[in-house]
Amino acid sequence: MRRRHRVVVEWDEEGYFVAHVPELHAHTQAQSFEELLQRLQEAIAVSLEEEKAEVVGLEGELEIEAA
């Protein structure tokens, strides 16, 4: 069964993308968005490991706010 989790992505003052999944208490950061997606998938997998769940892919919407 597939589950969906909300991912919050922010840009910090040091130039990093920072992402966290509030429901899973998973978080990561990277200098490029592509690297962030890879690290995010790894962080989610670690968080789900205790539940014996598997990450099958990242898909969905991304909302970016700019000032």
PDB file of N, CA and C in Angstrom:
ATOM      1  N   MET A   1       0.843  -1.172   0.000  1.00  0.00           N
ATOM      2  CA  MET A   1       0.000   0.000   0.000  1.00  0.00           C
ATOM      3  C   MET A   1       0.897   1.246   0.000  1.00  0.00           C
ATOM      4  N   ARG A   2       0.590   2.168  -0.884  1.00  0.00           N
ATOM      5  CA  ARG A   2       1.356   3.411  -0.961  1.00  0.00           C
ATOM      6  C   ARG A   2       0.805   4.433   0.013  1.00  0.00           C
ATOM      7  N   ARG A   3       1.708   5.148   0.633  1.00  0.00           N
ATOM      8  CA  ARG A   3       1.317   6.242   1.526  1.00  0.00           C
ATOM      9  C   ARG A   3       1.961   7.521   1.020  1.00  0.00           C
ATOM     10  N   ARG A   4       1.310   8.614   1.292  1.00  0.00           N
ATOM     11  CA  ARG A   4       1.855   9.917   0.904  1.00  0.00           C
ATOM     12  C   ARG A   4       2.216  10.690   2.165  1.00  0.00           C
ATOM     13  N   HIS A   5       3.335  11.385   2.094  1.00  0.00           N
ATOM     14  CA  HIS A   5       3.785  12.213   3.204  1.00  0.00           C
ATOM     15  C   HIS A   5       4.118  13.600   2.670  1.00  0.00           C
ATOM     16  N   ARG A   6       3.785  14.603   3.429  1.00  0.00           N
ATOM     17  CA  ARG A   6       4.081  15.987   3.049  1.00  0.00           C
ATOM     18  C   ARG A   6       5.563  16.264   3.267  1.00  0.00           C
ATOM     19  N   VAL A   7       6.192  16.873   2.274  1.00  0.00           N
ATOM     20  CA  VAL A   7       7.601  17.250   2.353  1.00  0.00           C
ATOM     21  C   VAL A   7       7.687  18.772   2.265  1.00  0.00           C
ATOM     22  N   VAL A   8       8.387  19.373   3.207  1.00  0.00           N
ATOM     23  CA  VAL A   8       8.588  20.820   3.217  1.00  0.00           C
ATOM     24  C   VAL A   8      10.015  21.093   2.758  1.00  0.00           C
ATOM     25  N   VAL A   9      10.151  21.898   1.707  1.00  0.00           N
ATOM     26  CA  VAL A   9      11.473  22.247   1.181  1.00  0.00           C
ATOM     27  C   VAL A   9      11.664  23.751   1.327  1.00  0.00           C
ATOM     28  N   GLU A  10      12.791  24.123   1.905  1.00  0.00           N
ATOM     29  CA  GLU A  10      13.111  25.539   2.106  1.00  0.00           C
ATOM     30  C   GLU A  10      14.520  25.815   1.592  1.00  0.00           C
ATOM     31  N   TRP A  11      14.795  27.053   1.354  1.00  0.00           N
ATOM     32  CA  TRP A  11      16.125  27.513   0.945  1.00  0.00           C
ATOM     33  C   TRP A  11      16.682  28.286   2.120  1.00  0.00           C
ATOM     34  N   ASP A  12      17.833  27.867   2.661  1.00  0.00           N
ATOM     35  CA  ASP A  12      18.351  28.570   3.837  1.00  0.00           C
ATOM     36  C   ASP A  12      19.315  29.689   3.447  1.00  0.00           C
ATOM     37  N   GLU A  13      19.695  30.478   4.440  1.00  0.00           N
ATOM     38  CA  GLU A  13      20.537  31.647   4.198  1.00  0.00           C
ATOM     39  C   GLU A  13      21.956  31.300   3.774  1.00  0.00           C
ATOM     40  N   GLU A  14      22.356  30.056   3.941  1.00  0.00           N
ATOM     41  CA  GLU A  14      23.695  29.627   3.539  1.00  0.00           C
ATOM     42  C   GLU A  14      23.719  29.026   2.136  1.00  0.00           C
ATOM     43  N   GLY A  15      22.565  29.027   1.461  1.00  0.00           N
ATOM     44  CA  GLY A  15      22.506  28.538   0.089  1.00  0.00           C
ATOM     45  C   GLY A  15      22.203  27.063  -0.067  1.00  0.00           C
ATOM     46  N   TYR A  16      21.631  26.445   0.942  1.00  0.00           N
ATOM     47  CA  TYR A  16      21.293  25.028   0.886  1.00  0.00           C
ATOM     48  C   TYR A  16      19.788  24.839   0.757  1.00  0.00           C
ATOM     49  N   PHE A  17      19.404  23.782   0.040  1.00  0.00           N
ATOM     50  CA  PHE A  17      18.029  23.316   0.087  1.00  0.00           C
ATOM     51  C   PHE A  17      17.903  22.489   1.358  1.00  0.00           C
ATOM     52  N   VAL A  18      16.857  22.715   2.123  1.00  0.00           N
ATOM     53  CA  VAL A  18      16.613  21.970   3.357  1.00  0.00           C
ATOM     54  C   VAL A  18      15.221  21.362   3.246  1.00  0.00           C
ATOM     55  N   ALA A  19      15.117  20.060   3.479  1.00  0.00           N
ATOM     56  CA  ALA A  19      13.824  19.382   3.378  1.00  0.00           C
ATOM     57  C   ALA A  19      13.547  18.607   4.650  1.00  0.00           C
ATOM     58  N   HIS A  20      12.271  18.584   5.044  1.00  0.00           N
ATOM     59  CA  HIS A  20      11.889  17.722   6.153  1.00  0.00           C
ATOM     60  C   HIS A  20      10.484  17.175   5.927  1.00  0.00           C
ATOM     61  N   VAL A  21      10.279  15.988   6.491  1.00  0.00           N
ATOM     62  CA  VAL A  21       9.002  15.288   6.418  1.00  0.00           C
ATOM     63  C   VAL A  21       8.470  15.260   7.846  1.00  0.00           C
ATOM     64  N   PRO A  22       7.570  16.194   8.189  1.00  0.00           N
ATOM     65  CA  PRO A  22       7.120  16.324   9.577  1.00  0.00           C
ATOM     66  C   PRO A  22       6.569  15.033  10.188  1.00  0.00           C
ATOM     67  N   GLU A  23       5.804  14.274   9.439  1.00  0.00           N
ATOM     68  CA  GLU A  23       5.194  13.051   9.974  1.00  0.00           C
ATOM     69  C   GLU A  23       6.223  12.001  10.371  1.00  0.00           C
ATOM     70  N   LEU A  24       7.344  11.986   9.674  1.00  0.00           N
ATOM     71  CA  LEU A  24       8.358  10.953   9.900  1.00  0.00           C
ATOM     72  C   LEU A  24       9.558  11.461  10.691  1.00  0.00           C
ATOM     73  N   HIS A  25       9.581  12.737  10.980  1.00  0.00           N
ATOM     74  CA  HIS A  25      10.725  13.363  11.653  1.00  0.00           C
ATOM     75  C   HIS A  25      12.009  13.125  10.862  1.00  0.00           C
ATOM     76  N   ALA A  26      11.886  13.123   9.532  1.00  0.00           N
ATOM     77  CA  ALA A  26      13.039  12.939   8.649  1.00  0.00           C
ATOM     78  C   ALA A  26      13.431  14.295   8.081  1.00  0.00           C
ATOM     79  N   HIS A  27      14.726  14.525   7.965  1.00  0.00           N
ATOM     80  CA  HIS A  27      15.190  15.784   7.392  1.00  0.00           C
ATOM     81  C   HIS A  27      16.556  15.601   6.747  1.00  0.00           C
ATOM     82  N   THR A  28      16.868  16.488   5.798  1.00  0.00           N
ATOM     83  CA  THR A  28      18.155  16.458   5.120  1.00  0.00           C
ATOM     84  C   THR A  28      18.393  17.801   4.447  1.00  0.00           C
ATOM     85  N   GLN A  29      19.600  17.981   3.913  1.00  0.00           N
ATOM     86  CA  GLN A  29      19.930  19.208   3.190  1.00  0.00           C
ATOM     87  C   GLN A  29      20.939  18.888   2.101  1.00  0.00           C
ATOM     88  N   ALA A  30      21.008  19.769   1.092  1.00  0.00           N
ATOM     89  CA  ALA A  30      21.956  19.594  -0.006  1.00  0.00           C
ATOM     90  C   ALA A  30      22.122  20.919  -0.738  1.00  0.00           C
ATOM     91  N   GLN A  31      23.199  21.015  -1.513  1.00  0.00           N
ATOM     92  CA  GLN A  31      23.442  22.244  -2.269  1.00  0.00           C
ATOM     93  C   GLN A  31      22.672  22.276  -3.585  1.00  0.00           C
ATOM     94  N   SER A  32      22.322  21.118  -4.138  1.00  0.00           N
ATOM     95  CA  SER A  32      21.539  21.089  -5.376  1.00  0.00           C
ATOM     96  C   SER A  32      20.216  20.372  -5.123  1.00  0.00           C
ATOM     97  N   PHE A  33      19.224  20.708  -5.940  1.00  0.00           N
ATOM     98  CA  PHE A  33      17.915  20.093  -5.773  1.00  0.00           C
ATOM     99  C   PHE A  33      17.973  18.599  -6.092  1.00  0.00           C
ATOM    100  N   GLU A  34      18.745  18.216  -7.100  1.00  0.00           N
ATOM    101  CA  GLU A  34      18.876  16.808  -7.465  1.00  0.00           C
ATOM    102  C   GLU A  34      19.469  16.003  -6.311  1.00  0.00           C
ATOM    103  N   GLU A  35      20.502  16.555  -5.686  1.00  0.00           N
ATOM    104  CA  GLU A  35      21.121  15.888  -4.536  1.00  0.00           C
ATOM    105  C   GLU A  35      20.145  15.831  -3.363  1.00  0.00           C
ATOM    106  N   LEU A  36      19.361  16.887  -3.199  1.00  0.00           N
ATOM    107  CA  LEU A  36      18.366  16.910  -2.128  1.00  0.00           C
ATOM    108  C   LEU A  36      17.366  15.770  -2.294  1.00  0.00           C
ATOM    109  N   LEU A  37      16.884  15.542  -3.515  1.00  0.00           N
ATOM    110  CA  LEU A  37      15.916  14.469  -3.748  1.00  0.00           C
ATOM    111  C   LEU A  37      16.505  13.103  -3.405  1.00  0.00           C
ATOM    112  N   GLN A  38      17.764  12.888  -3.774  1.00  0.00           N
ATOM    113  CA  GLN A  38      18.425  11.619  -3.454  1.00  0.00           C
ATOM    114  C   GLN A  38      18.554  11.448  -1.939  1.00  0.00           C
ATOM    115  N   ARG A  39      19.018  12.481  -1.273  1.00  0.00           N
ATOM    116  CA  ARG A  39      19.187  12.406   0.184  1.00  0.00           C
ATOM    117  C   ARG A  39      17.844  12.288   0.897  1.00  0.00           C
ATOM    118  N   LEU A  40      16.824  12.944   0.352  1.00  0.00           N
ATOM    119  CA  LEU A  40      15.494  12.870   0.946  1.00  0.00           C
ATOM    120  C   LEU A  40      14.955  11.447   0.878  1.00  0.00           C
ATOM    121  N   GLN A  41      15.146  10.801  -0.255  1.00  0.00           N
ATOM    122  CA  GLN A  41      14.697   9.417  -0.392  1.00  0.00           C
ATOM    123  C   GLN A  41      15.417   8.524   0.624  1.00  0.00           C
ATOM    124  N   GLU A  42      16.698   8.743   0.829  1.00  0.00           N
ATOM    125  CA  GLU A  42      17.454   7.970   1.817  1.00  0.00           C
ATOM    126  C   GLU A  42      16.953   8.242   3.234  1.00  0.00           C
ATOM    127  N   ALA A  43      16.688   9.507   3.557  1.00  0.00           N
ATOM    128  CA  ALA A  43      16.204   9.858   4.901  1.00  0.00           C
ATOM    129  C   ALA A  43      14.836   9.243   5.171  1.00  0.00           C
ATOM    130  N   ILE A  44      13.968   9.257   4.164  1.00  0.00           N
ATOM    131  CA  ILE A  44      12.646   8.651   4.322  1.00  0.00           C
ATOM    132  C   ILE A  44      12.779   7.147   4.514  1.00  0.00           C
ATOM    133  N   ALA A  45      13.660   6.516   3.749  1.00  0.00           N
ATOM    134  CA  ALA A  45      13.861   5.070   3.877  1.00  0.00           C
ATOM    135  C   ALA A  45      14.316   4.696   5.281  1.00  0.00           C
ATOM    136  N   VAL A  46      15.225   5.477   5.850  1.00  0.00           N
ATOM    137  CA  VAL A  46      15.699   5.208   7.211  1.00  0.00           C
ATOM    138  C   VAL A  46      14.553   5.352   8.203  1.00  0.00           C
ATOM    139  N   SER A  47      13.742   6.388   8.028  1.00  0.00           N
ATOM    140  CA  SER A  47      12.613   6.606   8.937  1.00  0.00           C
ATOM    141  C   SER A  47      11.585   5.492   8.843  1.00  0.00           C
ATOM    142  N   LEU A  48      11.380   4.975   7.646  1.00  0.00           N
ATOM    143  CA  LEU A  48      10.380   3.923   7.449  1.00  0.00           C
ATOM    144  C   LEU A  48      10.907   2.531   7.784  1.00  0.00           C
ATOM    145  N   GLU A  49      12.216   2.411   7.927  1.00  0.00           N
ATOM    146  CA  GLU A  49      12.830   1.108   8.190  1.00  0.00           C
ATOM    147  C   GLU A  49      12.223   0.429   9.410  1.00  0.00           C
ATOM    148  N   GLU A  50      11.937   1.210  10.438  1.00  0.00           N
ATOM    149  CA  GLU A  50      11.357   0.648  11.652  1.00  0.00           C
ATOM    150  C   GLU A  50       9.975   0.064  11.393  1.00  0.00           C
ATOM    151  N   GLU A  51       9.282   0.598  10.390  1.00  0.00           N
ATOM    152  CA  GLU A  51       7.949   0.119  10.057  1.00  0.00           C
ATOM    153  C   GLU A  51       7.987  -0.978   9.000  1.00  0.00           C
ATOM    154  N   LYS A  52       9.172  -1.338   8.531  1.00  0.00           N
ATOM    155  CA  LYS A  52       9.346  -2.327   7.475  1.00  0.00           C
ATOM    156  C   LYS A  52       8.665  -1.888   6.183  1.00  0.00           C
ATOM    157  N   ALA A  53       8.628  -0.583   5.935  1.00  0.00           N
ATOM    158  CA  ALA A  53       8.058  -0.045   4.708  1.00  0.00           C
ATOM    159  C   ALA A  53       9.187   0.254   3.726  1.00  0.00           C
ATOM    160  N   GLU A  54       8.838   0.459   2.484  1.00  0.00           N
ATOM    161  CA  GLU A  54       9.834   0.677   1.449  1.00  0.00           C
ATOM    162  C   GLU A  54       9.496   1.938   0.664  1.00  0.00           C
ATOM    163  N   VAL A  55      10.514   2.708   0.327  1.00  0.00           N
ATOM    164  CA  VAL A  55      10.322   3.887  -0.513  1.00  0.00           C
ATOM    165  C   VAL A  55      10.291   3.409  -1.958  1.00  0.00           C
ATOM    166  N   VAL A  56       9.184   3.676  -2.645  1.00  0.00           N
ATOM    167  CA  VAL A  56       9.063   3.237  -4.034  1.00  0.00           C
ATOM    168  C   VAL A  56       9.285   4.371  -5.023  1.00  0.00           C
ATOM    169  N   GLY A  57       9.440   5.581  -4.538  1.00  0.00           N
ATOM    170  CA  GLY A  57       9.718   6.707  -5.422  1.00  0.00           C
ATOM    171  C   GLY A  57       9.219   8.003  -4.830  1.00  0.00           C
ATOM    172  N   LEU A  58       9.697   9.078  -5.392  1.00  0.00           N
ATOM    173  CA  LEU A  58       9.251  10.407  -4.992  1.00  0.00           C
ATOM    174  C   LEU A  58       8.439  10.979  -6.140  1.00  0.00           C
ATOM    175  N   GLU A  59       7.224  11.414  -5.851  1.00  0.00           N
ATOM    176  CA  GLU A  59       6.391  12.029  -6.869  1.00  0.00           C
ATOM    177  C   GLU A  59       5.443  13.001  -6.203  1.00  0.00           C
ATOM    178  N   GLY A  60       4.904  13.904  -6.953  1.00  0.00           N
ATOM    179  CA  GLY A  60       3.923  14.819  -6.401  1.00  0.00           C
ATOM    180  C   GLY A  60       4.265  16.262  -6.678  1.00  0.00           C
ATOM    181  N   GLU A  61       3.682  17.137  -5.904  1.00  0.00           N
ATOM    182  CA  GLU A  61       3.822  18.567  -6.107  1.00  0.00           C
ATOM    183  C   GLU A  61       4.870  19.144  -5.170  1.00  0.00           C
ATOM    184  N   LEU A  62       5.473  20.211  -5.627  1.00  0.00           N
ATOM    185  CA  LEU A  62       6.437  20.941  -4.815  1.00  0.00           C
ATOM    186  C   LEU A  62       6.053  22.406  -4.877  1.00  0.00           C
ATOM    187  N   GLU A  63       5.899  23.019  -3.742  1.00  0.00           N
ATOM    188  CA  GLU A  63       5.560  24.438  -3.686  1.00  0.00           C
ATOM    189  C   GLU A  63       6.760  25.200  -3.158  1.00  0.00           C
ATOM    190  N   ILE A  64       7.206  26.189  -3.922  1.00  0.00           N
ATOM    191  CA  ILE A  64       8.352  26.993  -3.525  1.00  0.00           C
ATOM    192  C   ILE A  64       7.892  28.431  -3.355  1.00  0.00           C
ATOM    193  N   GLU A  65       8.245  29.017  -2.236  1.00  0.00           N
ATOM    194  CA  GLU A  65       7.903  30.411  -1.964  1.00  0.00           C
ATOM    195  C   GLU A  65       9.169  31.245  -2.056  1.00  0.00           C
ATOM    196  N   ALA A  66       9.105  32.329  -2.798  1.00  0.00           N
ATOM    197  CA  ALA A  66      10.264  33.203  -2.956  1.00  0.00           C
ATOM    198  C   ALA A  66       9.908  34.609  -2.496  1.00  0.00           C
ATOM    199  N   ALA A  67      10.886  35.285  -1.931  1.00  0.00           N
ATOM    200  CA  ALA A  67      10.655  36.664  -1.482  1.00  0.00           C
ATOM    201  C   ALA A  67      11.552  37.613  -2.243  1.00  0.00           C
TER     202      ALA A  67
END
